Amino acid sequence: MIRFQRCAMPKMGKQAQAITWAKVFAEFVTEHYDVSVQIFAESTGKIHWVIDYPDYAAYGKVRTRIVTDRDYWGTIGRSADLFIEGSMDDTVLQLVD
């Protein structure tokens, strides 16, 4: 199993708006890429999006589609004023059996 995790810290006073956007973004990704997106929040306010894939091939297939998806990047662009610049971080994890 491969787990993709993205996290970002909302700007001060933007936590509620960031969570609302995070849900909209998760719905968009779920509908367009046929994956299940979970959203988590740390006690610090940082928001995490988590997607599990069966293997690297499935992960790569989605990543390849995202690169050229204007709707995806447009959706991302609508979050620019919600998160602290430079706080977004992506992590790809592989389950150790």
PDB file of N, CA and C in Angstrom:
ATOM      1  N   MET A   1       0.838  -1.177   0.000  1.00  0.00           N
ATOM      2  CA  MET A   1       0.000   0.000   0.000  1.00  0.00           C
ATOM      3  C   MET A   1       0.885   1.244   0.000  1.00  0.00           C
ATOM      4  N   ILE A   2       0.445   2.256  -0.738  1.00  0.00           N
ATOM      5  CA  ILE A   2       1.118   3.550  -0.797  1.00  0.00           C
ATOM      6  C   ILE A   2       0.172   4.587  -0.207  1.00  0.00           C
ATOM      7  N   ARG A   3       0.681   5.406   0.679  1.00  0.00           N
ATOM      8  CA  ARG A   3      -0.114   6.486   1.270  1.00  0.00           C
ATOM      9  C   ARG A   3       0.477   7.825   0.840  1.00  0.00           C
ATOM     10  N   PHE A   4      -0.367   8.641   0.216  1.00  0.00           N
ATOM     11  CA  PHE A   4       0.010  10.005  -0.131  1.00  0.00           C
ATOM     12  C   PHE A   4      -0.598  10.920   0.926  1.00  0.00           C
ATOM     13  N   GLN A   5       0.218  11.796   1.461  1.00  0.00           N
ATOM     14  CA  GLN A   5      -0.261  12.735   2.476  1.00  0.00           C
ATOM     15  C   GLN A   5       0.209  14.143   2.127  1.00  0.00           C
ATOM     16  N   ARG A   6      -0.720  15.051   2.076  1.00  0.00           N
ATOM     17  CA  ARG A   6      -0.410  16.473   1.870  1.00  0.00           C
ATOM     18  C   ARG A   6      -0.879  17.216   3.113  1.00  0.00           C
ATOM     19  N   CYS A   7      -0.069  18.145   3.581  1.00  0.00           N
ATOM     20  CA  CYS A   7      -0.482  18.961   4.720  1.00  0.00           C
ATOM     21  C   CYS A   7      -0.145  20.419   4.453  1.00  0.00           C
ATOM     22  N   ALA A   8      -0.899  21.293   5.101  1.00  0.00           N
ATOM     23  CA  ALA A   8      -0.665  22.724   4.972  1.00  0.00           C
ATOM     24  C   ALA A   8      -1.231  23.424   6.204  1.00  0.00           C
ATOM     25  N   MET A   9      -0.615  24.537   6.567  1.00  0.00           N
ATOM     26  CA  MET A   9      -1.040  25.317   7.730  1.00  0.00           C
ATOM     27  C   MET A   9      -1.871  26.511   7.269  1.00  0.00           C
ATOM     28  N   PRO A  10      -3.114  26.589   7.747  1.00  0.00           N
ATOM     29  CA  PRO A  10      -3.944  27.742   7.402  1.00  0.00           C
ATOM     30  C   PRO A  10      -3.369  29.039   7.993  1.00  0.00           C
ATOM     31  N   LYS A  11      -3.658  30.129   7.303  1.00  0.00           N
ATOM     32  CA  LYS A  11      -3.275  31.441   7.822  1.00  0.00           C
ATOM     33  C   LYS A  11      -4.099  31.751   9.073  1.00  0.00           C
ATOM     34  N   MET A  12      -3.567  32.612   9.911  1.00  0.00           N
ATOM     35  CA  MET A  12      -4.257  33.026  11.125  1.00  0.00           C
ATOM     36  C   MET A  12      -5.645  33.558  10.767  1.00  0.00           C
ATOM     37  N   GLY A  13      -6.653  33.050  11.447  1.00  0.00           N
ATOM     38  CA  GLY A  13      -8.030  33.483  11.223  1.00  0.00           C
ATOM     39  C   GLY A  13      -8.710  32.842  10.029  1.00  0.00           C
ATOM     40  N   LYS A  14      -8.022  31.940   9.327  1.00  0.00           N
ATOM     41  CA  LYS A  14      -8.575  31.319   8.116  1.00  0.00           C
ATOM     42  C   LYS A  14      -8.874  29.824   8.311  1.00  0.00           C
ATOM     43  N   GLN A  15      -8.788  29.330   9.547  1.00  0.00           N
ATOM     44  CA  GLN A  15      -8.953  27.902   9.822  1.00  0.00           C
ATOM     45  C   GLN A  15     -10.289  27.369   9.294  1.00  0.00           C
ATOM     46  N   ALA A  16     -11.387  28.033   9.633  1.00  0.00           N
ATOM     47  CA  ALA A  16     -12.704  27.542   9.214  1.00  0.00           C
ATOM     48  C   ALA A  16     -12.838  27.551   7.691  1.00  0.00           C
ATOM     49  N   GLN A  17     -12.379  28.617   7.048  1.00  0.00           N
ATOM     50  CA  GLN A  17     -12.436  28.691   5.587  1.00  0.00           C
ATOM     51  C   GLN A  17     -11.546  27.617   4.955  1.00  0.00           C
ATOM     52  N   ALA A  18     -10.398  27.381   5.552  1.00  0.00           N
ATOM     53  CA  ALA A  18      -9.473  26.376   5.020  1.00  0.00           C
ATOM     54  C   ALA A  18     -10.074  24.975   5.123  1.00  0.00           C
ATOM     55  N   ILE A  19     -10.750  24.687   6.227  1.00  0.00           N
ATOM     56  CA  ILE A  19     -11.383  23.373   6.378  1.00  0.00           C
ATOM     57  C   ILE A  19     -12.512  23.215   5.364  1.00  0.00           C
ATOM     58  N   THR A  20     -13.295  24.269   5.174  1.00  0.00           N
ATOM     59  CA  THR A  20     -14.370  24.212   4.176  1.00  0.00           C
ATOM     60  C   THR A  20     -13.789  23.942   2.798  1.00  0.00           C
ATOM     61  N   TRP A  21     -12.727  24.668   2.438  1.00  0.00           N
ATOM     62  CA  TRP A  21     -12.085  24.449   1.142  1.00  0.00           C
ATOM     63  C   TRP A  21     -11.507  23.037   1.058  1.00  0.00           C
ATOM     64  N   ALA A  22     -10.897  22.560   2.140  1.00  0.00           N
ATOM     65  CA  ALA A  22     -10.306  21.215   2.160  1.00  0.00           C
ATOM     66  C   ALA A  22     -11.353  20.160   1.829  1.00  0.00           C
ATOM     67  N   LYS A  23     -12.557  20.335   2.346  1.00  0.00           N
ATOM     68  CA  LYS A  23     -13.639  19.390   2.054  1.00  0.00           C
ATOM     69  C   LYS A  23     -14.046  19.459   0.583  1.00  0.00           C
ATOM     70  N   VAL A  24     -14.153  20.662   0.057  1.00  0.00           N
ATOM     71  CA  VAL A  24     -14.493  20.831  -1.368  1.00  0.00           C
ATOM     72  C   VAL A  24     -13.414  20.193  -2.240  1.00  0.00           C
ATOM     73  N   PHE A  25     -12.160  20.443  -1.898  1.00  0.00           N
ATOM     74  CA  PHE A  25     -11.044  19.878  -2.648  1.00  0.00           C
ATOM     75  C   PHE A  25     -11.072  18.348  -2.593  1.00  0.00           C
ATOM     76  N   ALA A  26     -11.320  17.787  -1.408  1.00  0.00           N
ATOM     77  CA  ALA A  26     -11.387  16.329  -1.261  1.00  0.00           C
ATOM     78  C   ALA A  26     -12.500  15.745  -2.125  1.00  0.00           C
ATOM     79  N   GLU A  27     -13.653  16.407  -2.165  1.00  0.00           N
ATOM     80  CA  GLU A  27     -14.755  15.947  -3.005  1.00  0.00           C
ATOM     81  C   GLU A  27     -14.367  15.994  -4.484  1.00  0.00           C
ATOM     82  N   PHE A  28     -13.696  17.076  -4.887  1.00  0.00           N
ATOM     83  CA  PHE A  28     -13.252  17.200  -6.278  1.00  0.00           C
ATOM     84  C   PHE A  28     -12.325  16.046  -6.652  1.00  0.00           C
ATOM     85  N   VAL A  29     -11.317  15.801  -5.823  1.00  0.00           N
ATOM     86  CA  VAL A  29     -10.345  14.739  -6.113  1.00  0.00           C
ATOM     87  C   VAL A  29     -11.031  13.380  -6.121  1.00  0.00           C
ATOM     88  N   THR A  30     -11.914  13.139  -5.167  1.00  0.00           N
ATOM     89  CA  THR A  30     -12.624  11.869  -5.106  1.00  0.00           C
ATOM     90  C   THR A  30     -13.437  11.634  -6.372  1.00  0.00           C
ATOM     91  N   GLU A  31     -14.159  12.658  -6.818  1.00  0.00           N
ATOM     92  CA  GLU A  31     -15.008  12.522  -8.006  1.00  0.00           C
ATOM     93  C   GLU A  31     -14.209  12.386  -9.298  1.00  0.00           C
ATOM     94  N   HIS A  32     -13.128  13.147  -9.430  1.00  0.00           N
ATOM     95  CA  HIS A  32     -12.379  13.172 -10.686  1.00  0.00           C
ATOM     96  C   HIS A  32     -11.332  12.065 -10.819  1.00  0.00           C
ATOM     97  N   TYR A  33     -10.888  11.516  -9.709  1.00  0.00           N
ATOM     98  CA  TYR A  33      -9.785  10.547  -9.769  1.00  0.00           C
ATOM     99  C   TYR A  33     -10.136   9.196  -9.157  1.00  0.00           C
ATOM    100  N   ASP A  34     -11.394   9.037  -8.728  1.00  0.00           N
ATOM    101  CA  ASP A  34     -11.864   7.756  -8.196  1.00  0.00           C
ATOM    102  C   ASP A  34     -10.963   7.235  -7.070  1.00  0.00           C
ATOM    103  N   VAL A  35     -10.648   8.123  -6.129  1.00  0.00           N
ATOM    104  CA  VAL A  35      -9.888   7.760  -4.935  1.00  0.00           C
ATOM    105  C   VAL A  35     -10.654   8.285  -3.722  1.00  0.00           C
ATOM    106  N   SER A  36     -10.331   7.761  -2.564  1.00  0.00           N
ATOM    107  CA  SER A  36     -10.966   8.208  -1.330  1.00  0.00           C
ATOM    108  C   SER A  36     -10.001   9.118  -0.573  1.00  0.00           C
ATOM    109  N   VAL A  37     -10.423  10.354  -0.333  1.00  0.00           N
ATOM    110  CA  VAL A  37      -9.590  11.327   0.363  1.00  0.00           C
ATOM    111  C   VAL A  37     -10.121  11.508   1.781  1.00  0.00           C
ATOM    112  N   GLN A  38      -9.230  11.357   2.756  1.00  0.00           N
ATOM    113  CA  GLN A  38      -9.579  11.620   4.141  1.00  0.00           C
ATOM    114  C   GLN A  38      -8.918  12.928   4.561  1.00  0.00           C
ATOM    115  N   ILE A  39      -9.603  13.676   5.419  1.00  0.00           N
ATOM    116  CA  ILE A  39      -9.064  14.938   5.918  1.00  0.00           C
ATOM    117  C   ILE A  39      -8.883  14.822   7.428  1.00  0.00           C
ATOM    118  N   PHE A  40      -7.710  15.248   7.882  1.00  0.00           N
ATOM    119  CA  PHE A  40      -7.388  15.270   9.303  1.00  0.00           C
ATOM    120  C   PHE A  40      -6.915  16.667   9.668  1.00  0.00           C
ATOM    121  N   ALA A  41      -7.077  17.039  10.928  1.00  0.00           N
ATOM    122  CA  ALA A  41      -6.560  18.313  11.413  1.00  0.00           C
ATOM    123  C   ALA A  41      -5.770  18.066  12.695  1.00  0.00           C
ATOM    124  N   GLU A  42      -4.604  18.684  12.776  1.00  0.00           N
ATOM    125  CA  GLU A  42      -3.802  18.613  13.999  1.00  0.00           C
ATOM    126  C   GLU A  42      -4.335  19.616  15.010  1.00  0.00           C
ATOM    127  N   SER A  43      -3.955  19.432  16.249  1.00  0.00           N
ATOM    128  CA  SER A  43      -4.344  20.394  17.272  1.00  0.00           C
ATOM    129  C   SER A  43      -3.727  21.765  17.002  1.00  0.00           C
ATOM    130  N   THR A  44      -2.665  21.804  16.199  1.00  0.00           N
ATOM    131  CA  THR A  44      -2.025  23.067  15.824  1.00  0.00           C
ATOM    132  C   THR A  44      -2.805  23.806  14.745  1.00  0.00           C
ATOM    133  N   GLY A  45      -3.767  23.107  14.110  1.00  0.00           N
ATOM    134  CA  GLY A  45      -4.540  23.697  13.029  1.00  0.00           C
ATOM    135  C   GLY A  45      -4.137  23.206  11.653  1.00  0.00           C
ATOM    136  N   LYS A  46      -2.981  22.571  11.562  1.00  0.00           N
ATOM    137  CA  LYS A  46      -2.518  22.067  10.265  1.00  0.00           C
ATOM    138  C   LYS A  46      -3.507  21.036   9.735  1.00  0.00           C
ATOM    139  N   ILE A  47      -3.783  21.118   8.429  1.00  0.00           N
ATOM    140  CA  ILE A  47      -4.735  20.226   7.779  1.00  0.00           C
ATOM    141  C   ILE A  47      -3.979  19.202   6.937  1.00  0.00           C
ATOM    142  N   HIS A  48      -4.443  17.955   6.980  1.00  0.00           N
ATOM    143  CA  HIS A  48      -3.841  16.854   6.226  1.00  0.00           C
ATOM    144  C   HIS A  48      -4.880  16.229   5.315  1.00  0.00           C
ATOM    145  N   TRP A  49      -4.473  15.936   4.083  1.00  0.00           N
ATOM    146  CA  TRP A  49      -5.273  15.163   3.145  1.00  0.00           C
ATOM    147  C   TRP A  49      -4.528  13.847   2.952  1.00  0.00           C
ATOM    148  N   VAL A  50      -5.246  12.728   3.063  1.00  0.00           N
ATOM    149  CA  VAL A  50      -4.607  11.414   2.974  1.00  0.00           C
ATOM    150  C   VAL A  50      -5.348  10.562   1.951  1.00  0.00           C
ATOM    151  N   ILE A  51      -4.571   9.957   1.045  1.00  0.00           N
ATOM    152  CA  ILE A  51      -5.118   9.044   0.047  1.00  0.00           C
ATOM    153  C   ILE A  51      -4.288   7.765   0.072  1.00  0.00           C
ATOM    154  N   ASP A  52      -4.952   6.628   0.154  1.00  0.00           N
ATOM    155  CA  ASP A  52      -4.274   5.338   0.093  1.00  0.00           C
ATOM    156  C   ASP A  52      -4.466   4.726  -1.290  1.00  0.00           C
ATOM    157  N   TYR A  53      -3.376   4.206  -1.835  1.00  0.00           N
ATOM    158  CA  TYR A  53      -3.375   3.542  -3.134  1.00  0.00           C
ATOM    159  C   TYR A  53      -2.909   2.102  -2.937  1.00  0.00           C
ATOM    160  N   PRO A  54      -3.355   1.185  -3.778  1.00  0.00           N
ATOM    161  CA  PRO A  54      -2.925  -0.207  -3.623  1.00  0.00           C
ATOM    162  C   PRO A  54      -1.432  -0.402  -3.921  1.00  0.00           C
ATOM    163  N   ASP A  55      -0.884   0.437  -4.835  1.00  0.00           N
ATOM    164  CA  ASP A  55       0.520   0.278  -5.215  1.00  0.00           C
ATOM    165  C   ASP A  55       1.023   1.552  -5.899  1.00  0.00           C
ATOM    166  N   TYR A  56       2.315   1.582  -6.230  1.00  0.00           N
ATOM    167  CA  TYR A  56       2.906   2.749  -6.880  1.00  0.00           C
ATOM    168  C   TYR A  56       2.303   3.009  -8.265  1.00  0.00           C
ATOM    169  N   ALA A  57       1.915   1.956  -8.956  1.00  0.00           N
ATOM    170  CA  ALA A  57       1.340   2.134 -10.289  1.00  0.00           C
ATOM    171  C   ALA A  57       0.044   2.947 -10.216  1.00  0.00           C
ATOM    172  N   ALA A  58      -0.810   2.636  -9.255  1.00  0.00           N
ATOM    173  CA  ALA A  58      -2.069   3.374  -9.086  1.00  0.00           C
ATOM    174  C   ALA A  58      -1.792   4.824  -8.692  1.00  0.00           C
ATOM    175  N   TYR A  59      -0.844   5.019  -7.800  1.00  0.00           N
ATOM    176  CA  TYR A  59      -0.446   6.375  -7.401  1.00  0.00           C
ATOM    177  C   TYR A  59       0.087   7.147  -8.614  1.00  0.00           C
ATOM    178  N   GLY A  60       0.955   6.528  -9.378  1.00  0.00           N
ATOM    179  CA  GLY A  60       1.549   7.175 -10.543  1.00  0.00           C
ATOM    180  C   GLY A  60       0.521   7.541 -11.598  1.00  0.00           C
ATOM    181  N   LYS A  61      -0.472   6.704 -11.771  1.00  0.00           N
ATOM    182  CA  LYS A  61      -1.518   6.964 -12.751  1.00  0.00           C
ATOM    183  C   LYS A  61      -2.271   8.250 -12.404  1.00  0.00           C
ATOM    184  N   VAL A  62      -2.618   8.405 -11.138  1.00  0.00           N
ATOM    185  CA  VAL A  62      -3.318   9.622 -10.703  1.00  0.00           C
ATOM    186  C   VAL A  62      -2.404  10.833 -10.810  1.00  0.00           C
ATOM    187  N   ARG A  63      -1.166  10.712 -10.375  1.00  0.00           N
ATOM    188  CA  ARG A  63      -0.222  11.840 -10.449  1.00  0.00           C
ATOM    189  C   ARG A  63      -0.011  12.300 -11.888  1.00  0.00           C
ATOM    190  N   THR A  64       0.055  11.370 -12.816  1.00  0.00           N
ATOM    191  CA  THR A  64       0.233  11.715 -14.227  1.00  0.00           C
ATOM    192  C   THR A  64      -0.965  12.510 -14.746  1.00  0.00           C
ATOM    193  N   ARG A  65      -2.167  12.129 -14.356  1.00  0.00           N
ATOM    194  CA  ARG A  65      -3.366  12.846 -14.786  1.00  0.00           C
ATOM    195  C   ARG A  65      -3.430  14.245 -14.187  1.00  0.00           C
ATOM    196  N   ILE A  66      -3.025  14.382 -12.929  1.00  0.00           N
ATOM    197  CA  ILE A  66      -3.094  15.674 -12.236  1.00  0.00           C
ATOM    198  C   ILE A  66      -2.223  16.725 -12.915  1.00  0.00           C
ATOM    199  N   VAL A  67      -1.062  16.314 -13.394  1.00  0.00           N
ATOM    200  CA  VAL A  67      -0.105  17.264 -13.975  1.00  0.00           C
ATOM    201  C   VAL A  67      -0.742  18.138 -15.048  1.00  0.00           C
ATOM    202  N   THR A  68      -1.637  17.578 -15.848  1.00  0.00           N
ATOM    203  CA  THR A  68      -2.214  18.323 -16.962  1.00  0.00           C
ATOM    204  C   THR A  68      -3.686  18.699 -16.752  1.00  0.00           C
ATOM    205  N   ASP A  69      -4.199  18.507 -15.554  1.00  0.00           N
ATOM    206  CA  ASP A  69      -5.614  18.771 -15.275  1.00  0.00           C
ATOM    207  C   ASP A  69      -5.817  20.224 -14.843  1.00  0.00           C
ATOM    208  N   ARG A  70      -6.301  21.037 -15.755  1.00  0.00           N
ATOM    209  CA  ARG A  70      -6.503  22.465 -15.470  1.00  0.00           C
ATOM    210  C   ARG A  70      -7.532  22.686 -14.360  1.00  0.00           C
ATOM    211  N   ASP A  71      -8.550  21.842 -14.303  1.00  0.00           N
ATOM    212  CA  ASP A  71      -9.557  21.973 -13.243  1.00  0.00           C
ATOM    213  C   ASP A  71      -8.932  21.731 -11.865  1.00  0.00           C
ATOM    214  N   TYR A  72      -8.043  20.756 -11.792  1.00  0.00           N
ATOM    215  CA  TYR A  72      -7.346  20.473 -10.531  1.00  0.00           C
ATOM    216  C   TYR A  72      -6.555  21.707 -10.093  1.00  0.00           C
ATOM    217  N   TRP A  73      -5.755  22.246 -10.999  1.00  0.00           N
ATOM    218  CA  TRP A  73      -4.909  23.395 -10.654  1.00  0.00           C
ATOM    219  C   TRP A  73      -5.735  24.636 -10.380  1.00  0.00           C
ATOM    220  N   GLY A  74      -6.872  24.784 -11.035  1.00  0.00           N
ATOM    221  CA  GLY A  74      -7.776  25.884 -10.735  1.00  0.00           C
ATOM    222  C   GLY A  74      -8.349  25.772  -9.334  1.00  0.00           C
ATOM    223  N   THR A  75      -8.681  24.544  -8.937  1.00  0.00           N
ATOM    224  CA  THR A  75      -9.193  24.307  -7.589  1.00  0.00           C
ATOM    225  C   THR A  75      -8.111  24.606  -6.557  1.00  0.00           C
ATOM    226  N   ILE A  76      -6.904  24.174  -6.821  1.00  0.00           N
ATOM    227  CA  ILE A  76      -5.775  24.475  -5.929  1.00  0.00           C
ATOM    228  C   ILE A  76      -5.579  25.990  -5.819  1.00  0.00           C
ATOM    229  N   GLY A  77      -5.676  26.680  -6.944  1.00  0.00           N
ATOM    230  CA  GLY A  77      -5.462  28.122  -6.968  1.00  0.00           C
ATOM    231  C   GLY A  77      -6.426  28.898  -6.083  1.00  0.00           C
ATOM    232  N   ARG A  78      -7.629  28.357  -5.900  1.00  0.00           N
ATOM    233  CA  ARG A  78      -8.618  29.043  -5.059  1.00  0.00           C
ATOM    234  C   ARG A  78      -8.271  28.994  -3.576  1.00  0.00           C
ATOM    235  N   SER A  79      -7.231  28.272  -3.219  1.00  0.00           N
ATOM    236  CA  SER A  79      -6.832  28.173  -1.803  1.00  0.00           C
ATOM    237  C   SER A  79      -5.653  29.081  -1.456  1.00  0.00           C
ATOM    238  N   ALA A  80      -5.164  29.843  -2.421  1.00  0.00           N
ATOM    239  CA  ALA A  80      -3.931  30.616  -2.234  1.00  0.00           C
ATOM    240  C   ALA A  80      -3.970  31.558  -1.043  1.00  0.00           C
ATOM    241  N   ASP A  81      -5.117  32.149  -0.761  1.00  0.00           N
ATOM    242  CA  ASP A  81      -5.187  33.096   0.353  1.00  0.00           C
ATOM    243  C   ASP A  81      -5.540  32.428   1.684  1.00  0.00           C
ATOM    244  N   LEU A  82      -5.655  31.110   1.687  1.00  0.00           N
ATOM    245  CA  LEU A  82      -6.055  30.396   2.904  1.00  0.00           C
ATOM    246  C   LEU A  82      -4.890  29.809   3.694  1.00  0.00           C
ATOM    247  N   PHE A  83      -3.781  29.513   3.013  1.00  0.00           N
ATOM    248  CA  PHE A  83      -2.682  28.795   3.662  1.00  0.00           C
ATOM    249  C   PHE A  83      -1.401  29.626   3.682  1.00  0.00           C
ATOM    250  N   ILE A  84      -0.592  29.383   4.690  1.00  0.00           N
ATOM    251  CA  ILE A  84       0.691  30.064   4.818  1.00  0.00           C
ATOM    252  C   ILE A  84       1.602  29.607   3.687  1.00  0.00           C
ATOM    253  N   GLU A  85       2.154  30.563   2.962  1.00  0.00           N
ATOM    254  CA  GLU A  85       3.043  30.254   1.853  1.00  0.00           C
ATOM    255  C   GLU A  85       4.217  29.410   2.346  1.00  0.00           C
ATOM    256  N   GLY A  86       4.506  28.347   1.614  1.00  0.00           N
ATOM    257  CA  GLY A  86       5.617  27.466   1.963  1.00  0.00           C
ATOM    258  C   GLY A  86       5.281  26.405   2.997  1.00  0.00           C
ATOM    259  N   SER A  87       4.039  26.390   3.504  1.00  0.00           N
ATOM    260  CA  SER A  87       3.692  25.412   4.541  1.00  0.00           C
ATOM    261  C   SER A  87       3.210  24.087   3.968  1.00  0.00           C
ATOM    262  N   MET A  88       2.916  24.043   2.678  1.00  0.00           N
ATOM    263  CA  MET A  88       2.413  22.807   2.085  1.00  0.00           C
ATOM    264  C   MET A  88       3.545  21.798   1.924  1.00  0.00           C
ATOM    265  N   ASP A  89       3.260  20.573   2.318  1.00  0.00           N
ATOM    266  CA  ASP A  89       4.264  19.517   2.259  1.00  0.00           C
ATOM    267  C   ASP A  89       3.599  18.223   1.814  1.00  0.00           C
ATOM    268  N   ASP A  90       4.195  17.542   0.857  1.00  0.00           N
ATOM    269  CA  ASP A  90       3.698  16.248   0.389  1.00  0.00           C
ATOM    270  C   ASP A  90       4.633  15.141   0.858  1.00  0.00           C
ATOM    271  N   THR A  91       4.034  14.032   1.283  1.00  0.00           N
ATOM    272  CA  THR A  91       4.797  12.867   1.708  1.00  0.00           C
ATOM    273  C   THR A  91       4.190  11.629   1.059  1.00  0.00           C
ATOM    274  N   VAL A  92       5.031  10.744   0.549  1.00  0.00           N
ATOM    275  CA  VAL A  92       4.586   9.469   0.007  1.00  0.00           C
ATOM    276  C   VAL A  92       5.203   8.379   0.877  1.00  0.00           C
ATOM    277  N   LEU A  93       4.339   7.546   1.440  1.00  0.00           N
ATOM    278  CA  LEU A  93       4.784   6.479   2.348  1.00  0.00           C
ATOM    279  C   LEU A  93       4.462   5.116   1.758  1.00  0.00           C
ATOM    280  N   GLN A  94       5.321   4.156   2.019  1.00  0.00           N
ATOM    281  CA  GLN A  94       5.067   2.779   1.594  1.00  0.00           C
ATOM    282  C   GLN A  94       4.903   1.933   2.830  1.00  0.00           C
ATOM    283  N   LEU A  95       3.838   1.138   2.866  1.00  0.00           N
ATOM    284  CA  LEU A  95       3.586   0.242   3.991  1.00  0.00           C
ATOM    285  C   LEU A  95       4.682  -0.822   4.062  1.00  0.00           C
ATOM    286  N   VAL A  96       5.209  -1.017   5.234  1.00  0.00           N
ATOM    287  CA  VAL A  96       6.223  -2.040   5.443  1.00  0.00           C
ATOM    288  C   VAL A  96       5.546  -3.284   5.985  1.00  0.00           C
ATOM    289  N   ASP A  97       5.637  -4.364   5.237  1.00  0.00           N
ATOM    290  CA  ASP A  97       5.019  -5.628   5.662  1.00  0.00           C
ATOM    291  C   ASP A  97       5.945  -6.391   6.577  1.00  0.00           C
TER     292      ASP A  97
END
